[in-house]
Amino acid sequence: MRLISTALFFFGGVMNITLDEIKLQCRIDSDDQDDLLQVYLEAAKATIENYTNRKLYETLPDSPPDNAQEITGDLKIAILMLVAYMFENRGGWNEGQGVSNFDLPPTVRLIIERYRFIHI
């Protein structure tokens, strides 16, 4: 098993996700949903942190963990996809199945799975 860090940081500001990028991903033209999209952005980051058991840093902190791992744009794509999924599925449940736990979209799970830290 590969040892990995419990901290991830983004190289070169790749994590700086703008509302314009989110709107493009969600195919939104107006500013009416900006506040909601910002909430979904924070929720998407928290969801990925929770799933991977890792803290996401936009930049390397002054005193990073010894085993901090640098990542590139794939997690940014996963976050954008997750924001769009949350926006499109505001009810939080799968049709015909009633209220259930929030499931990650398969493509998002595929991207973030390799960053998952499992405590043994």
N, C-alpha and C. Protein backbone atom coordinates (compact mmCIF):
# COMPACT_ATOMS: atom_id res chain seq x y z
N MET A 1 0.83 -1.18 0.00
CA MET A 1 0.00 0.00 0.00
C MET A 1 0.88 1.24 0.00
N ARG A 2 0.51 2.23 -0.77
CA ARG A 2 1.24 3.48 -0.92
C ARG A 2 0.90 4.42 0.24
N LEU A 3 1.91 4.97 0.88
CA LEU A 3 1.68 5.96 1.93
C LEU A 3 1.44 7.31 1.30
N ILE A 4 0.39 7.97 1.74
CA ILE A 4 0.07 9.27 1.18
C ILE A 4 -0.20 10.26 2.30
N SER A 5 -0.20 11.51 1.95
CA SER A 5 -0.36 12.58 2.91
C SER A 5 -1.81 12.76 3.33
N THR A 6 -1.99 13.34 4.51
CA THR A 6 -3.33 13.74 4.93
C THR A 6 -3.61 15.18 4.53
N ALA A 7 -2.69 15.80 3.82
CA ALA A 7 -2.88 17.18 3.35
C ALA A 7 -2.59 17.25 1.86
N LEU A 8 -3.39 18.03 1.16
CA LEU A 8 -3.18 18.26 -0.26
C LEU A 8 -3.09 19.77 -0.48
N PHE A 9 -2.19 20.20 -1.35
CA PHE A 9 -2.18 21.61 -1.69
C PHE A 9 -2.14 21.75 -3.21
N PHE A 10 -2.67 22.86 -3.67
CA PHE A 10 -2.80 23.09 -5.10
C PHE A 10 -1.66 23.96 -5.60
N PHE A 11 -1.08 23.55 -6.69
CA PHE A 11 0.08 24.22 -7.27
C PHE A 11 -0.37 25.36 -8.17
N GLY A 12 0.25 26.50 -8.05
CA GLY A 12 0.05 27.60 -8.99
C GLY A 12 -1.34 28.20 -8.98
N GLY A 13 -2.04 28.17 -7.87
CA GLY A 13 -3.36 28.79 -7.77
C GLY A 13 -4.45 28.07 -8.54
N VAL A 14 -4.22 26.81 -8.91
CA VAL A 14 -5.21 26.08 -9.69
C VAL A 14 -6.53 25.94 -8.95
N MET A 15 -6.50 26.06 -7.63
CA MET A 15 -7.70 25.90 -6.83
C MET A 15 -8.56 27.15 -6.83
N ASN A 16 -8.07 28.24 -7.33
CA ASN A 16 -8.81 29.48 -7.34
C ASN A 16 -9.98 29.37 -8.31
N ILE A 17 -11.08 28.83 -7.82
CA ILE A 17 -12.26 28.60 -8.65
C ILE A 17 -13.13 29.85 -8.61
N THR A 18 -13.42 30.40 -9.77
CA THR A 18 -14.22 31.62 -9.86
C THR A 18 -15.68 31.29 -10.11
N LEU A 19 -16.54 32.26 -9.81
CA LEU A 19 -17.96 32.10 -10.11
C LEU A 19 -18.18 31.95 -11.62
N ASP A 20 -17.37 32.64 -12.42
CA ASP A 20 -17.50 32.50 -13.87
C ASP A 20 -17.24 31.06 -14.32
N GLU A 21 -16.24 30.41 -13.72
CA GLU A 21 -15.97 29.01 -14.06
C GLU A 21 -17.12 28.11 -13.63
N ILE A 22 -17.67 28.39 -12.45
CA ILE A 22 -18.80 27.59 -11.97
C ILE A 22 -20.01 27.78 -12.88
N LYS A 23 -20.29 29.02 -13.26
CA LYS A 23 -21.43 29.30 -14.14
C LYS A 23 -21.25 28.63 -15.50
N LEU A 24 -20.05 28.63 -15.99
CA LEU A 24 -19.78 27.95 -17.26
C LEU A 24 -20.06 26.45 -17.12
N GLN A 25 -19.59 25.85 -16.04
CA GLN A 25 -19.81 24.42 -15.80
C GLN A 25 -21.30 24.12 -15.66
N CYS A 26 -22.03 25.02 -14.99
CA CYS A 26 -23.47 24.81 -14.74
C CYS A 26 -24.35 25.35 -15.86
N ARG A 27 -23.76 26.00 -16.84
CA ARG A 27 -24.50 26.61 -17.95
C ARG A 27 -25.50 27.66 -17.44
N ILE A 28 -25.00 28.57 -16.62
CA ILE A 28 -25.82 29.63 -16.04
C ILE A 28 -25.34 30.96 -16.61
N ASP A 29 -26.30 31.78 -17.09
CA ASP A 29 -25.95 33.07 -17.69
C ASP A 29 -26.17 34.26 -16.76
N SER A 30 -27.05 34.13 -15.78
CA SER A 30 -27.40 35.27 -14.93
C SER A 30 -26.62 35.24 -13.62
N ASP A 31 -26.78 36.32 -12.86
CA ASP A 31 -26.14 36.43 -11.54
C ASP A 31 -27.09 36.04 -10.41
N ASP A 32 -28.29 35.61 -10.75
CA ASP A 32 -29.32 35.32 -9.75
C ASP A 32 -28.92 34.22 -8.76
N GLN A 33 -28.10 33.29 -9.19
CA GLN A 33 -27.76 32.13 -8.38
C GLN A 33 -26.38 32.22 -7.73
N ASP A 34 -25.74 33.37 -7.80
CA ASP A 34 -24.35 33.49 -7.33
C ASP A 34 -24.16 33.06 -5.87
N ASP A 35 -25.04 33.52 -5.00
CA ASP A 35 -24.90 33.17 -3.58
C ASP A 35 -25.04 31.67 -3.37
N LEU A 36 -26.01 31.07 -4.04
CA LEU A 36 -26.23 29.63 -3.92
C LEU A 36 -25.03 28.86 -4.47
N LEU A 37 -24.49 29.30 -5.59
CA LEU A 37 -23.33 28.63 -6.17
C LEU A 37 -22.12 28.70 -5.24
N GLN A 38 -21.97 29.81 -4.54
CA GLN A 38 -20.86 29.94 -3.59
C GLN A 38 -21.02 28.95 -2.44
N VAL A 39 -22.25 28.77 -1.99
CA VAL A 39 -22.53 27.78 -0.93
C VAL A 39 -22.21 26.38 -1.44
N TYR A 40 -22.62 26.08 -2.67
CA TYR A 40 -22.32 24.76 -3.25
C TYR A 40 -20.82 24.54 -3.41
N LEU A 41 -20.08 25.60 -3.74
CA LEU A 41 -18.63 25.48 -3.87
C LEU A 41 -18.01 25.06 -2.54
N GLU A 42 -18.41 25.72 -1.47
CA GLU A 42 -17.88 25.37 -0.15
C GLU A 42 -18.31 23.96 0.25
N ALA A 43 -19.54 23.60 -0.08
CA ALA A 43 -20.03 22.25 0.24
C ALA A 43 -19.28 21.19 -0.56
N ALA A 44 -18.97 21.49 -1.82
CA ALA A 44 -18.23 20.54 -2.65
C ALA A 44 -16.83 20.32 -2.11
N LYS A 45 -16.16 21.39 -1.71
CA LYS A 45 -14.82 21.26 -1.12
C LYS A 45 -14.88 20.42 0.15
N ALA A 46 -15.86 20.72 1.01
CA ALA A 46 -15.99 19.98 2.27
C ALA A 46 -16.31 18.51 2.01
N THR A 47 -17.14 18.24 1.01
CA THR A 47 -17.48 16.86 0.66
C THR A 47 -16.25 16.09 0.22
N ILE A 48 -15.43 16.71 -0.61
CA ILE A 48 -14.21 16.05 -1.09
C ILE A 48 -13.22 15.86 0.05
N GLU A 49 -13.10 16.85 0.93
CA GLU A 49 -12.23 16.68 2.10
C GLU A 49 -12.71 15.52 2.96
N ASN A 50 -14.00 15.45 3.17
CA ASN A 50 -14.57 14.38 3.99
C ASN A 50 -14.35 13.01 3.34
N TYR A 51 -14.59 12.92 2.05
CA TYR A 51 -14.45 11.64 1.34
C TYR A 51 -13.00 11.17 1.31
N THR A 52 -12.09 12.10 1.07
CA THR A 52 -10.68 11.72 0.94
C THR A 52 -9.96 11.66 2.28
N ASN A 53 -10.59 12.16 3.33
CA ASN A 53 -9.95 12.25 4.65
C ASN A 53 -8.69 13.10 4.60
N ARG A 54 -8.73 14.16 3.81
CA ARG A 54 -7.59 15.05 3.64
C ARG A 54 -8.05 16.50 3.67
N LYS A 55 -7.18 17.36 4.10
CA LYS A 55 -7.44 18.79 4.10
C LYS A 55 -6.93 19.38 2.80
N LEU A 56 -7.78 20.17 2.13
CA LEU A 56 -7.38 20.84 0.90
C LEU A 56 -6.89 22.25 1.23
N TYR A 57 -5.73 22.59 0.74
CA TYR A 57 -5.17 23.93 0.91
C TYR A 57 -5.05 24.58 -0.45
N GLU A 58 -5.44 25.86 -0.53
CA GLU A 58 -5.30 26.57 -1.79
C GLU A 58 -3.85 26.89 -2.10
N THR A 59 -3.08 27.09 -1.06
CA THR A 59 -1.64 27.29 -1.21
C THR A 59 -0.96 26.53 -0.08
N LEU A 60 0.30 26.32 -0.23
CA LEU A 60 1.06 25.59 0.79
C LEU A 60 1.15 26.44 2.05
N PRO A 61 0.70 25.91 3.19
CA PRO A 61 0.79 26.68 4.43
C PRO A 61 2.24 26.90 4.86
N ASP A 62 2.44 27.86 5.76
CA ASP A 62 3.80 28.17 6.24
C ASP A 62 4.48 26.95 6.85
N SER A 63 3.73 26.15 7.56
CA SER A 63 4.31 24.94 8.15
C SER A 63 3.49 23.72 7.73
N PRO A 64 3.70 23.27 6.47
CA PRO A 64 2.93 22.14 5.97
C PRO A 64 3.36 20.84 6.63
N PRO A 65 2.49 19.84 6.61
CA PRO A 65 2.90 18.52 7.09
C PRO A 65 4.10 18.03 6.27
N ASP A 66 4.93 17.22 6.88
CA ASP A 66 6.12 16.71 6.19
C ASP A 66 5.76 15.95 4.91
N ASN A 67 4.60 15.34 4.90
CA ASN A 67 4.21 14.53 3.75
C ASN A 67 3.12 15.19 2.91
N ALA A 68 3.05 16.52 2.90
CA ALA A 68 2.05 17.22 2.08
C ALA A 68 2.26 16.85 0.62
N GLN A 69 1.17 16.68 -0.08
CA GLN A 69 1.22 16.23 -1.47
C GLN A 69 0.67 17.32 -2.38
N GLU A 70 1.42 17.64 -3.42
CA GLU A 70 0.98 18.64 -4.40
C GLU A 70 0.09 17.97 -5.44
N ILE A 71 -0.98 18.65 -5.79
CA ILE A 71 -1.88 18.11 -6.82
C ILE A 71 -2.10 19.17 -7.89
N THR A 72 -2.66 18.74 -9.00
CA THR A 72 -2.91 19.67 -10.11
C THR A 72 -4.41 19.77 -10.38
N GLY A 73 -4.78 20.05 -11.61
CA GLY A 73 -6.14 20.44 -11.95
C GLY A 73 -7.24 19.41 -11.86
N ASP A 74 -6.93 18.14 -11.66
CA ASP A 74 -8.00 17.15 -11.68
C ASP A 74 -8.99 17.34 -10.54
N LEU A 75 -8.52 17.75 -9.37
CA LEU A 75 -9.45 17.99 -8.27
C LEU A 75 -10.28 19.24 -8.51
N LYS A 76 -9.74 20.20 -9.22
CA LYS A 76 -10.53 21.38 -9.58
C LYS A 76 -11.70 20.96 -10.46
N ILE A 77 -11.44 20.10 -11.42
CA ILE A 77 -12.50 19.59 -12.28
C ILE A 77 -13.53 18.84 -11.45
N ALA A 78 -13.08 18.02 -10.52
CA ALA A 78 -14.00 17.26 -9.67
C ALA A 78 -14.87 18.21 -8.85
N ILE A 79 -14.29 19.27 -8.33
CA ILE A 79 -15.06 20.24 -7.55
C ILE A 79 -16.09 20.93 -8.43
N LEU A 80 -15.70 21.36 -9.62
CA LEU A 80 -16.65 21.99 -10.54
C LEU A 80 -17.79 21.04 -10.91
N MET A 81 -17.45 19.78 -11.16
CA MET A 81 -18.48 18.79 -11.49
C MET A 81 -19.42 18.57 -10.31
N LEU A 82 -18.88 18.55 -9.11
CA LEU A 82 -19.70 18.32 -7.93
C LEU A 82 -20.61 19.52 -7.65
N VAL A 83 -20.12 20.73 -7.87
CA VAL A 83 -20.96 21.92 -7.72
C VAL A 83 -22.13 21.84 -8.71
N ALA A 84 -21.84 21.49 -9.96
CA ALA A 84 -22.90 21.38 -10.96
C ALA A 84 -23.91 20.30 -10.58
N TYR A 85 -23.41 19.19 -10.07
CA TYR A 85 -24.30 18.10 -9.64
C TYR A 85 -25.21 18.56 -8.50
N MET A 86 -24.64 19.26 -7.53
CA MET A 86 -25.44 19.76 -6.42
C MET A 86 -26.49 20.76 -6.91
N PHE A 87 -26.10 21.61 -7.85
CA PHE A 87 -27.02 22.61 -8.40
C PHE A 87 -28.18 21.93 -9.13
N GLU A 88 -27.87 20.91 -9.90
CA GLU A 88 -28.89 20.22 -10.70
C GLU A 88 -29.74 19.26 -9.88
N ASN A 89 -29.28 18.85 -8.71
CA ASN A 89 -29.98 17.87 -7.87
C ASN A 89 -30.22 18.46 -6.49
N ARG A 90 -30.92 19.56 -6.45
CA ARG A 90 -31.12 20.29 -5.19
C ARG A 90 -31.91 19.51 -4.16
N GLY A 91 -32.69 18.55 -4.59
CA GLY A 91 -33.50 17.78 -3.65
C GLY A 91 -32.68 16.88 -2.75
N GLY A 92 -31.52 16.46 -3.20
CA GLY A 92 -30.66 15.62 -2.38
C GLY A 92 -31.04 14.16 -2.35
N TRP A 93 -31.91 13.73 -3.22
CA TRP A 93 -32.27 12.32 -3.25
C TRP A 93 -32.40 11.85 -4.69
N ASN A 94 -32.37 10.54 -4.85
CA ASN A 94 -32.51 9.93 -6.17
C ASN A 94 -33.99 9.67 -6.42
N GLU A 95 -34.48 10.04 -7.58
CA GLU A 95 -35.88 9.82 -7.91
C GLU A 95 -36.25 8.36 -7.78
N GLY A 96 -37.40 8.11 -7.19
CA GLY A 96 -37.88 6.75 -7.05
C GLY A 96 -37.30 6.01 -5.87
N GLN A 97 -36.30 6.58 -5.21
CA GLN A 97 -35.66 5.91 -4.09
C GLN A 97 -35.90 6.63 -2.77
N GLY A 98 -36.60 7.76 -2.82
CA GLY A 98 -36.82 8.52 -1.60
C GLY A 98 -35.55 9.20 -1.14
N VAL A 99 -35.63 9.80 0.03
CA VAL A 99 -34.47 10.50 0.56
C VAL A 99 -33.38 9.50 0.92
N SER A 100 -32.17 9.76 0.49
CA SER A 100 -31.05 8.86 0.76
C SER A 100 -29.81 9.70 1.06
N ASN A 101 -28.76 9.04 1.43
CA ASN A 101 -27.50 9.73 1.62
C ASN A 101 -27.04 10.29 0.28
N PHE A 102 -26.38 11.43 0.33
CA PHE A 102 -25.86 12.05 -0.87
C PHE A 102 -24.81 11.15 -1.50
N ASP A 103 -25.00 10.79 -2.74
CA ASP A 103 -24.03 9.96 -3.46
C ASP A 103 -23.18 10.84 -4.36
N LEU A 104 -21.91 10.54 -4.41
CA LEU A 104 -21.03 11.24 -5.33
C LEU A 104 -21.28 10.75 -6.74
N PRO A 105 -21.28 11.64 -7.72
CA PRO A 105 -21.38 11.21 -9.10
C PRO A 105 -20.19 10.30 -9.44
N PRO A 106 -20.40 9.28 -10.26
CA PRO A 106 -19.32 8.32 -10.55
C PRO A 106 -18.04 8.96 -11.08
N THR A 107 -18.15 9.97 -11.94
CA THR A 107 -16.94 10.59 -12.49
C THR A 107 -16.17 11.34 -11.41
N VAL A 108 -16.89 12.00 -10.51
CA VAL A 108 -16.23 12.70 -9.40
C VAL A 108 -15.53 11.68 -8.51
N ARG A 109 -16.22 10.60 -8.20
CA ARG A 109 -15.62 9.55 -7.37
C ARG A 109 -14.37 8.98 -8.05
N LEU A 110 -14.42 8.77 -9.34
CA LEU A 110 -13.27 8.24 -10.08
C LEU A 110 -12.06 9.17 -9.95
N ILE A 111 -12.30 10.46 -10.05
CA ILE A 111 -11.20 11.43 -9.95
C ILE A 111 -10.61 11.47 -8.55
N ILE A 112 -11.46 11.52 -7.53
CA ILE A 112 -10.95 11.75 -6.17
C ILE A 112 -10.54 10.48 -5.45
N GLU A 113 -10.91 9.34 -5.96
CA GLU A 113 -10.59 8.07 -5.28
C GLU A 113 -9.09 7.90 -5.07
N ARG A 114 -8.30 8.31 -6.02
CA ARG A 114 -6.84 8.11 -5.90
C ARG A 114 -6.22 8.98 -4.82
N TYR A 115 -6.96 10.00 -4.37
CA TYR A 115 -6.47 10.86 -3.29
C TYR A 115 -6.98 10.43 -1.92
N ARG A 116 -7.79 9.40 -1.88
CA ARG A 116 -8.42 8.99 -0.63
C ARG A 116 -7.39 8.40 0.33
N PHE A 117 -7.46 8.85 1.56
CA PHE A 117 -6.58 8.37 2.63
C PHE A 117 -7.44 7.53 3.57
N ILE A 118 -7.13 6.26 3.66
CA ILE A 118 -7.91 5.35 4.49
C ILE A 118 -7.10 5.03 5.74
N HIS A 119 -7.68 5.35 6.88
CA HIS A 119 -7.01 5.07 8.16
C HIS A 119 -7.15 3.59 8.48
N ILE A 120 -6.05 2.97 8.82
CA ILE A 120 -6.08 1.54 9.16
C ILE A 120 -5.71 1.37 10.61
